[in-house]
Protein backbone atom coordinates (compact mmCIF):
# COMPACT_ATOMS: atom_id res chain seq x y z
CA UNK A 1 118.72 166.36 90.89
CA UNK A 2 117.56 168.05 94.64
CA UNK A 3 121.12 166.17 95.56
CA UNK A 4 123.93 167.96 95.76
CA UNK A 5 127.35 166.27 94.48
CA UNK A 6 130.54 166.54 94.33
CA UNK A 7 133.31 165.46 92.04
CA UNK A 8 137.15 166.05 90.36
CA UNK A 9 136.63 168.25 87.79
CA UNK A 10 140.93 168.07 86.87
CA UNK A 11 142.18 164.53 86.04
CA UNK A 12 143.88 162.79 89.28
CA UNK A 13 147.30 162.25 89.39
CA UNK A 14 150.36 164.95 90.29
CA UNK A 15 149.48 168.41 89.17
CA UNK A 16 150.38 171.97 89.63
CA UNK A 17 146.57 172.16 90.68
CA UNK A 18 143.78 170.06 91.02
CA UNK A 19 140.41 171.26 91.04
CA UNK A 20 136.34 169.94 92.90
CA UNK A 21 133.41 170.84 91.41
CA UNK A 22 130.72 171.34 93.58
CA UNK A 23 126.92 171.61 91.30
CA UNK A 24 123.07 171.95 93.08
CA UNK A 25 120.86 174.07 95.52
CA UNK A 26 123.36 173.98 98.10
CA UNK A 27 126.85 174.30 96.43
CA UNK A 28 127.26 177.85 97.99
CA UNK A 29 126.20 176.89 102.31
CA UNK A 30 128.56 173.27 101.06
CA UNK A 31 131.63 175.35 99.90
CA UNK A 32 131.50 177.96 103.17
CA UNK A 33 131.41 175.03 105.27
CA UNK A 34 135.37 173.77 103.89
CA UNK A 35 136.91 176.77 102.19
CA UNK A 36 136.89 180.57 104.57
CA UNK A 37 138.26 183.34 102.89
CA UNK A 38 141.30 185.42 103.51
CA UNK A 39 138.71 188.30 103.49
CA UNK A 40 136.83 188.06 106.25
CA UNK A 41 134.49 189.97 104.78
CA UNK A 42 133.17 187.87 102.56
CA UNK A 43 131.38 185.69 103.04
CA UNK A 44 130.72 182.49 100.09
CA UNK A 45 127.30 182.49 101.02
CA UNK A 46 126.67 186.28 99.28
CA UNK A 47 129.40 185.52 96.98
CA UNK A 48 127.97 186.65 93.01
CA UNK A 49 128.08 184.47 90.11
CA UNK A 50 131.08 184.89 88.20
CA UNK A 51 133.43 186.45 90.88
CA UNK A 52 136.39 184.90 92.57
CA UNK A 53 138.03 184.17 96.51
CA UNK A 54 140.94 183.24 97.49
CA UNK A 55 141.35 181.58 100.51
CA UNK A 56 141.68 178.57 102.26
CA UNK A 57 139.83 174.61 102.66
CA UNK A 58 139.51 172.76 106.23
CA UNK A 59 138.30 169.89 107.04
CA UNK A 60 137.38 168.54 110.52
CA UNK A 61 138.44 172.33 111.65
CA UNK A 62 142.26 172.11 109.83
CA UNK A 63 143.26 174.61 107.85
CA UNK A 64 144.70 172.80 104.75
CA UNK A 65 146.16 174.01 101.85
CA UNK A 66 145.31 177.36 100.01
CA UNK A 67 142.79 177.52 97.67
CA UNK A 68 140.07 179.92 95.10
CA UNK A 69 136.98 179.40 94.55
CA UNK A 70 134.91 179.94 91.15
CA UNK A 71 131.32 180.67 91.96
CA UNK A 72 128.25 180.02 89.66
CA UNK A 73 125.10 181.02 90.10
CA UNK A 74 121.54 179.03 88.59
CA UNK A 75 121.02 179.03 85.60
CA UNK A 76 123.98 180.86 84.29
CA UNK A 77 126.50 177.97 85.33
CA UNK A 78 127.90 174.73 83.43
CA UNK A 79 125.37 172.47 84.83
CA UNK A 80 122.59 174.92 85.29
CA UNK A 81 122.46 175.15 88.58
CA UNK A 82 124.00 176.85 91.75
CA UNK A 83 127.95 175.59 91.25
CA UNK A 84 131.52 176.13 92.62
CA UNK A 85 134.83 175.09 91.38
CA UNK A 86 137.50 174.98 94.14
CA UNK A 87 141.22 174.75 92.78
CA UNK A 88 144.14 173.64 95.18
CA UNK A 89 147.33 172.25 94.61
CA UNK A 90 147.49 169.10 92.99
CA UNK A 91 148.39 165.24 94.54
CA UNK A 92 146.36 162.85 95.18
CA UNK A 93 146.61 163.59 98.77
CA UNK A 94 145.20 167.01 98.46
CA UNK A 95 142.16 166.49 96.34
CA UNK A 96 141.71 163.13 98.66
CA UNK A 97 141.46 165.66 101.22
CA UNK A 98 139.66 168.47 99.85
CA UNK A 99 137.13 165.46 98.00
CA UNK A 100 136.32 164.56 101.98
CA UNK A 101 135.44 167.95 103.43
CA UNK A 102 133.00 168.38 101.08
CA UNK A 103 131.74 165.23 102.10
CA UNK A 104 131.37 165.42 105.33
CA UNK A 105 130.40 168.17 104.51
CA UNK A 106 126.85 167.14 103.05
CA UNK A 107 127.56 166.29 99.28
CA UNK A 108 127.13 162.58 97.37
CA UNK A 109 130.42 161.65 95.34
CA UNK A 110 129.09 162.81 91.19
CA UNK A 111 127.97 159.79 88.97
CA UNK A 112 130.67 159.05 85.79
CA UNK A 113 129.36 161.58 83.43
CA UNK A 114 126.96 163.49 86.43
CA UNK A 115 127.48 166.25 85.72
CA UNK A 116 126.65 166.78 82.25
CA UNK A 117 123.98 164.55 82.25
CA UNK A 118 122.29 167.15 84.51
CA UNK A 119 123.34 170.14 81.71
CA UNK A 120 121.79 168.10 79.65
CA UNK A 121 118.30 167.91 82.20
CA UNK A 122 118.69 170.78 82.67
CA UNK A 123 118.91 172.53 79.40
CA UNK A 124 122.03 173.55 78.94
CA UNK A 125 123.39 170.81 75.77
CA UNK A 126 121.66 169.06 73.79
CA UNK A 127 122.60 165.10 73.74
CA UNK A 128 125.02 165.56 70.97
CA UNK A 129 126.28 168.33 72.52
CA UNK A 130 126.60 165.96 75.85
CA UNK A 131 128.43 163.19 73.41
CA UNK A 132 130.79 166.04 71.77
CA UNK A 133 131.86 166.81 75.89
CA UNK A 134 133.28 163.41 76.19
CA UNK A 135 135.07 163.63 72.61
CA UNK A 136 136.69 166.29 73.48
CA UNK A 137 138.02 165.00 76.44
CA UNK A 138 139.18 162.11 74.44
CA UNK A 139 139.93 163.57 71.51
CA UNK A 140 144.02 162.37 70.23
CA UNK A 141 144.51 164.49 67.11
CA UNK A 142 142.98 167.77 65.69
CA UNK A 143 141.46 166.75 63.17
CA UNK A 144 139.51 164.91 66.74
CA UNK A 145 139.62 167.41 68.51
CA UNK A 146 137.27 169.53 65.43
CA UNK A 147 134.77 167.34 65.00
CA UNK A 148 133.98 167.39 68.48
CA UNK A 149 134.39 171.47 68.86
CA UNK A 150 131.82 171.14 65.62
CA UNK A 151 129.38 168.62 67.44
CA UNK A 152 129.44 171.07 70.33
CA UNK A 153 128.62 173.45 68.83
CA UNK A 154 125.49 172.31 68.44
CA UNK A 155 125.91 171.37 64.61
CA UNK A 156 124.99 168.13 64.04
CA UNK A 157 121.99 168.53 66.80
CA UNK A 158 120.55 171.35 64.31
CA UNK A 159 121.41 169.68 61.50
CA UNK A 160 119.22 167.04 62.89
CA UNK A 161 116.33 169.58 64.20
CA UNK A 162 115.59 170.14 60.88
CA UNK A 163 115.11 167.56 59.16
CA UNK A 164 112.72 166.64 62.69
CA UNK A 165 111.15 170.07 62.47
CA UNK A 166 110.17 169.50 58.47
CA UNK A 167 108.51 166.84 58.89
CA UNK A 168 107.08 168.29 62.08
CA UNK A 169 105.37 170.59 59.90
CA UNK A 170 104.16 167.97 57.50
CA UNK A 171 102.55 166.06 60.18
CA UNK A 172 100.84 168.74 60.93
CA UNK A 173 99.65 170.55 57.82
CA UNK A 174 97.80 166.88 56.76
CA UNK A 175 96.23 165.79 59.74
CA UNK A 176 95.31 169.84 59.62
CA UNK A 177 93.58 168.90 56.06
CA UNK A 178 92.71 165.09 57.57
CA UNK A 179 91.18 166.56 60.92
CA UNK A 180 89.04 169.49 59.61
CA UNK A 181 87.92 169.19 56.01
CA UNK A 182 85.42 171.80 56.63
CA UNK A 183 88.09 174.57 57.14
CA UNK A 184 89.52 176.52 54.54
CA UNK A 185 92.71 174.29 54.84
CA UNK A 186 95.19 173.64 52.07
CA UNK A 187 95.60 170.74 50.27
CA UNK A 188 99.58 169.55 50.18
CA UNK A 189 100.15 167.80 47.11
CA UNK A 190 101.85 164.59 46.36
CA UNK A 191 104.64 166.23 45.12
CA UNK A 192 105.25 168.19 48.32
CA UNK A 193 104.54 165.27 49.82
CA UNK A 194 107.19 163.73 48.14
CA UNK A 195 109.55 166.57 48.00
CA UNK A 196 109.93 166.33 51.70
CA UNK A 197 110.22 163.50 51.73
CA UNK A 198 112.89 162.80 49.59
CA UNK A 199 114.71 165.41 51.29
CA UNK A 200 115.16 164.46 54.11
CA UNK A 201 115.27 160.96 53.66
CA UNK A 202 118.98 162.61 51.93
CA UNK A 203 119.99 164.54 54.36
CA UNK A 204 119.89 161.66 57.06
CA UNK A 205 121.59 159.43 54.44
CA UNK A 206 124.42 162.25 53.95
CA UNK A 207 124.40 162.04 58.27
CA UNK A 208 124.71 158.43 58.25
CA UNK A 209 127.20 158.44 55.61
CA UNK A 210 129.73 160.66 56.95
CA UNK A 211 128.87 158.24 60.44
CA UNK A 212 131.79 156.13 59.79
CA UNK A 213 134.34 158.94 58.61
CA UNK A 214 133.51 160.84 62.32
CA UNK A 215 133.86 156.98 64.47
CA UNK A 216 137.68 156.88 62.82
CA UNK A 217 138.34 160.59 63.16
CA UNK A 218 137.24 159.89 66.81
CA UNK A 219 138.65 156.95 67.39
CA UNK A 220 141.59 156.54 65.20
CA UNK A 221 142.41 155.15 61.87
CA UNK A 222 143.22 151.16 62.28
CA UNK A 223 146.13 150.52 59.79
CA UNK A 224 147.07 147.34 59.20
CA UNK A 225 150.93 146.85 58.47
CA UNK A 226 151.32 143.46 56.67
CA UNK A 227 154.17 142.23 53.70
CA UNK A 228 156.89 139.02 54.00
CA UNK A 229 158.82 138.42 56.33
CA UNK A 230 162.21 140.84 57.08
CA UNK A 231 160.58 142.96 54.51
CA UNK A 232 160.59 145.67 57.10
CA UNK A 233 157.72 146.04 58.90
CA UNK A 234 158.72 146.42 62.72
CA UNK A 235 161.63 149.49 60.85
CA UNK A 236 158.21 151.11 59.45
CA UNK A 237 156.29 151.13 62.88
CA UNK A 238 159.61 152.12 64.73
CA UNK A 239 160.01 155.01 62.40
CA UNK A 240 156.42 156.25 61.98
CA UNK A 241 156.28 155.66 66.30
CA UNK A 242 159.74 157.75 67.02
CA UNK A 243 160.81 155.35 68.73
CA UNK A 244 161.75 151.23 69.27
CA UNK A 245 158.04 149.32 69.93
CA UNK A 246 158.87 146.84 67.84
CA UNK A 247 161.67 144.42 67.61
CA UNK A 248 163.79 144.39 64.71
CA UNK A 249 166.82 141.18 63.76
CA UNK A 250 167.80 140.16 60.27
CA UNK A 251 165.69 136.82 61.04
CA UNK A 252 163.04 136.64 59.45
CA UNK A 253 159.24 135.97 61.23
CA UNK A 254 161.04 138.20 64.28
CA UNK A 255 157.53 139.18 64.55
CA UNK A 256 155.25 136.58 65.72
CA UNK A 257 152.14 138.67 67.56
CA UNK A 258 150.29 141.66 66.60
CA UNK A 259 151.89 145.43 68.17
CA UNK A 260 150.39 148.15 68.03
CA UNK A 261 151.29 151.93 68.30
CA UNK A 262 149.12 155.14 67.69
CA UNK A 263 150.99 157.89 66.34
CA UNK A 264 149.86 161.07 65.22
CA UNK A 265 150.50 161.32 60.98
CA UNK A 266 149.20 164.85 59.32
CA UNK A 267 146.91 165.39 62.09
CA UNK A 268 145.02 162.17 61.87
CA UNK A 269 144.88 159.60 64.59
CA UNK A 270 146.59 156.14 62.79
CA UNK A 271 146.72 152.80 65.00
CA UNK A 272 149.47 150.79 63.63
CA UNK A 273 149.33 147.36 63.52
CA UNK A 274 152.82 145.71 62.48
CA UNK A 275 152.05 141.81 61.99
CA UNK A 276 153.60 138.69 61.63
CA UNK A 277 155.12 138.46 58.37
CA UNK A 278 152.91 136.15 55.69
CA UNK A 279 154.64 133.42 54.37
CA UNK A 280 154.17 129.47 54.09
CA UNK A 281 155.13 128.04 57.18
CA UNK A 282 155.12 124.75 59.51
CA UNK A 283 155.42 126.61 61.86
CA UNK A 284 152.43 125.68 64.23
CA UNK A 285 153.02 128.85 66.49
CA UNK A 286 153.93 131.36 63.70
CA UNK A 287 150.92 129.82 61.10
CA UNK A 288 148.42 131.48 64.11
CA UNK A 289 150.82 134.64 64.25
CA UNK A 290 150.01 135.16 60.62
CA UNK A 291 146.70 134.33 60.39
CA UNK A 292 145.81 137.08 63.51
CA UNK A 293 147.76 139.16 60.31
CA UNK A 294 145.51 138.30 57.32
CA UNK A 295 142.72 138.99 60.69
CA UNK A 296 143.63 141.93 60.56
CA UNK A 297 144.59 142.71 56.95
CA UNK A 298 141.54 142.09 55.68
CA UNK A 299 139.32 144.59 59.10
CA UNK A 300 141.60 147.53 59.05
CA UNK A 301 140.44 150.63 57.73
CA UNK A 302 143.82 151.33 56.38
CA UNK A 303 146.83 148.99 54.76
CA UNK A 304 150.55 149.41 54.26
CA UNK A 305 151.55 146.40 51.54
CA UNK A 306 155.25 146.94 52.47
CA UNK A 307 157.15 145.38 49.79
CA UNK A 308 161.57 144.23 49.73
CA UNK A 309 162.43 147.15 47.12
CA UNK A 310 165.73 144.76 46.55
CA UNK A 311 164.87 141.65 46.01
CA UNK A 312 162.99 139.97 42.89
CA UNK A 313 159.29 139.93 42.74
CA UNK A 314 157.95 137.21 43.93
CA UNK A 315 154.56 134.99 43.49
CA UNK A 316 154.12 136.14 47.37
CA UNK A 317 154.05 139.33 46.90
CA UNK A 318 151.80 139.20 43.92
CA UNK A 319 149.62 137.07 46.20
CA UNK A 320 149.46 139.70 48.44
CA UNK A 321 148.74 142.50 46.77
CA UNK A 322 145.63 141.16 45.42
CA UNK A 323 144.20 140.70 48.83
CA UNK A 324 144.46 144.10 48.67
CA UNK A 325 143.59 145.62 45.98
CA UNK A 326 140.01 145.89 47.64
CA UNK A 327 140.90 148.18 50.06
CA UNK A 328 142.08 151.41 50.91
CA UNK A 329 145.65 150.53 50.75
CA UNK A 330 149.13 151.94 50.43
CA UNK A 331 152.07 150.13 48.90
CA UNK A 332 155.28 150.98 49.86
CA UNK A 333 158.83 150.07 48.88
CA UNK A 334 161.54 149.80 51.19
CA UNK A 335 164.87 149.32 51.47
CA UNK A 336 165.59 151.92 48.59
CA UNK A 337 169.68 151.90 49.70
CA UNK A 338 169.43 148.80 48.43
CA UNK A 339 170.12 147.98 44.96
CA UNK A 340 166.62 147.69 43.92
CA UNK A 341 165.64 144.61 41.65
CA UNK A 342 161.59 145.73 42.60
CA UNK A 343 159.87 146.04 38.70
CA UNK A 344 156.60 147.69 40.49
CA UNK A 345 155.49 146.95 36.21
CA UNK A 346 155.18 142.62 36.89
């Protein structure tokens, strides 16, 4: 970790601004080789933490672009090291020039997640908080954002740390009582041991039970849209997506393969999966699509089971409803604008 590293702190591509982060013992001296303040009285090497300078960055003696440099002195920085962040105009060419200038000045390319890794190793955050940084970046819904924010604030770490601390106190007490019987160490009763162990087990169980829910919030709820052919599955997908993601025609069996689209519905990220219509068929290609539909049905976190409300209920409808009976499913009676003969009481 004695090496000074540099990398883009913003996403690559066209943007109004891009930022290059330099972290390490020599961050200020490396920044001084590429960034020159407009105020000639100021020196990068002497910059105090939590200050900024306006100037230009240079590469091989040539002025490339105007920039703003932010300075953070160790240990009061994201990584716990000396950090300089240089922001210039966005764009691949400008960012590439600034990054190459930093490398030529002595910085090494940072590995994936290396800034957060250094923050963890320098005691700036726990491992759960380090993982939450990536979850915060990848959050696509308010619920995922709130879950990542909670972990980043250390809520998960504090819950796990309390379990650990309770067990360490118990182990220490038992060890002291066992190793020094002649000392006046208070005895630990079976009830006290059982109480602490039971409490730890219950706390761990709650954490484990919340894992699946948390994973669905962060990764998205896999939602299969299933039903017979031509009941409106693709129309539903398009309506929820806000554009024509799937092809819609009056011809039964138009959808042959799974069509996916992520949407935010009620603050929850749903990964919608429009599937081939489920029915008996001799068509070999359609049969493959139907099998994929059944696979998605069984593996989904949530099922939208679509029925045609303008037609009589059939044995296929009843069979499909039976497949969804023990799943997290919602029955959708479609085509309400047409003559309704679908009797849900059956």
